[in-house]
Amino acid sequence: MARQDMMNQLMTMQKELQKQMTMMVTVPITKEGKQLEAALGRSMEEAVMANNLLCGLGFKK
């Protein structure tokens, strides 16, 4: 019975380690994704503003 208990404890520890490893990878990726999303949003906003400015200049001619 002691061997079975040790195996169960080992399996539990392995599952917990897998969960922790997943979180160690997921958190930085999520943070980086949010930063990329913000940068992309700013770039898109600048492109739209520049396009609107150019269109406005074209209509004035």
Foldseek 3Di string as FASTA:
>chain_A
DVVVVVVVVVVVVVVVVVVVVVVVVVVVVVVVVVVVVVVVVVVVVVVVVVVVVVVVVVVVD
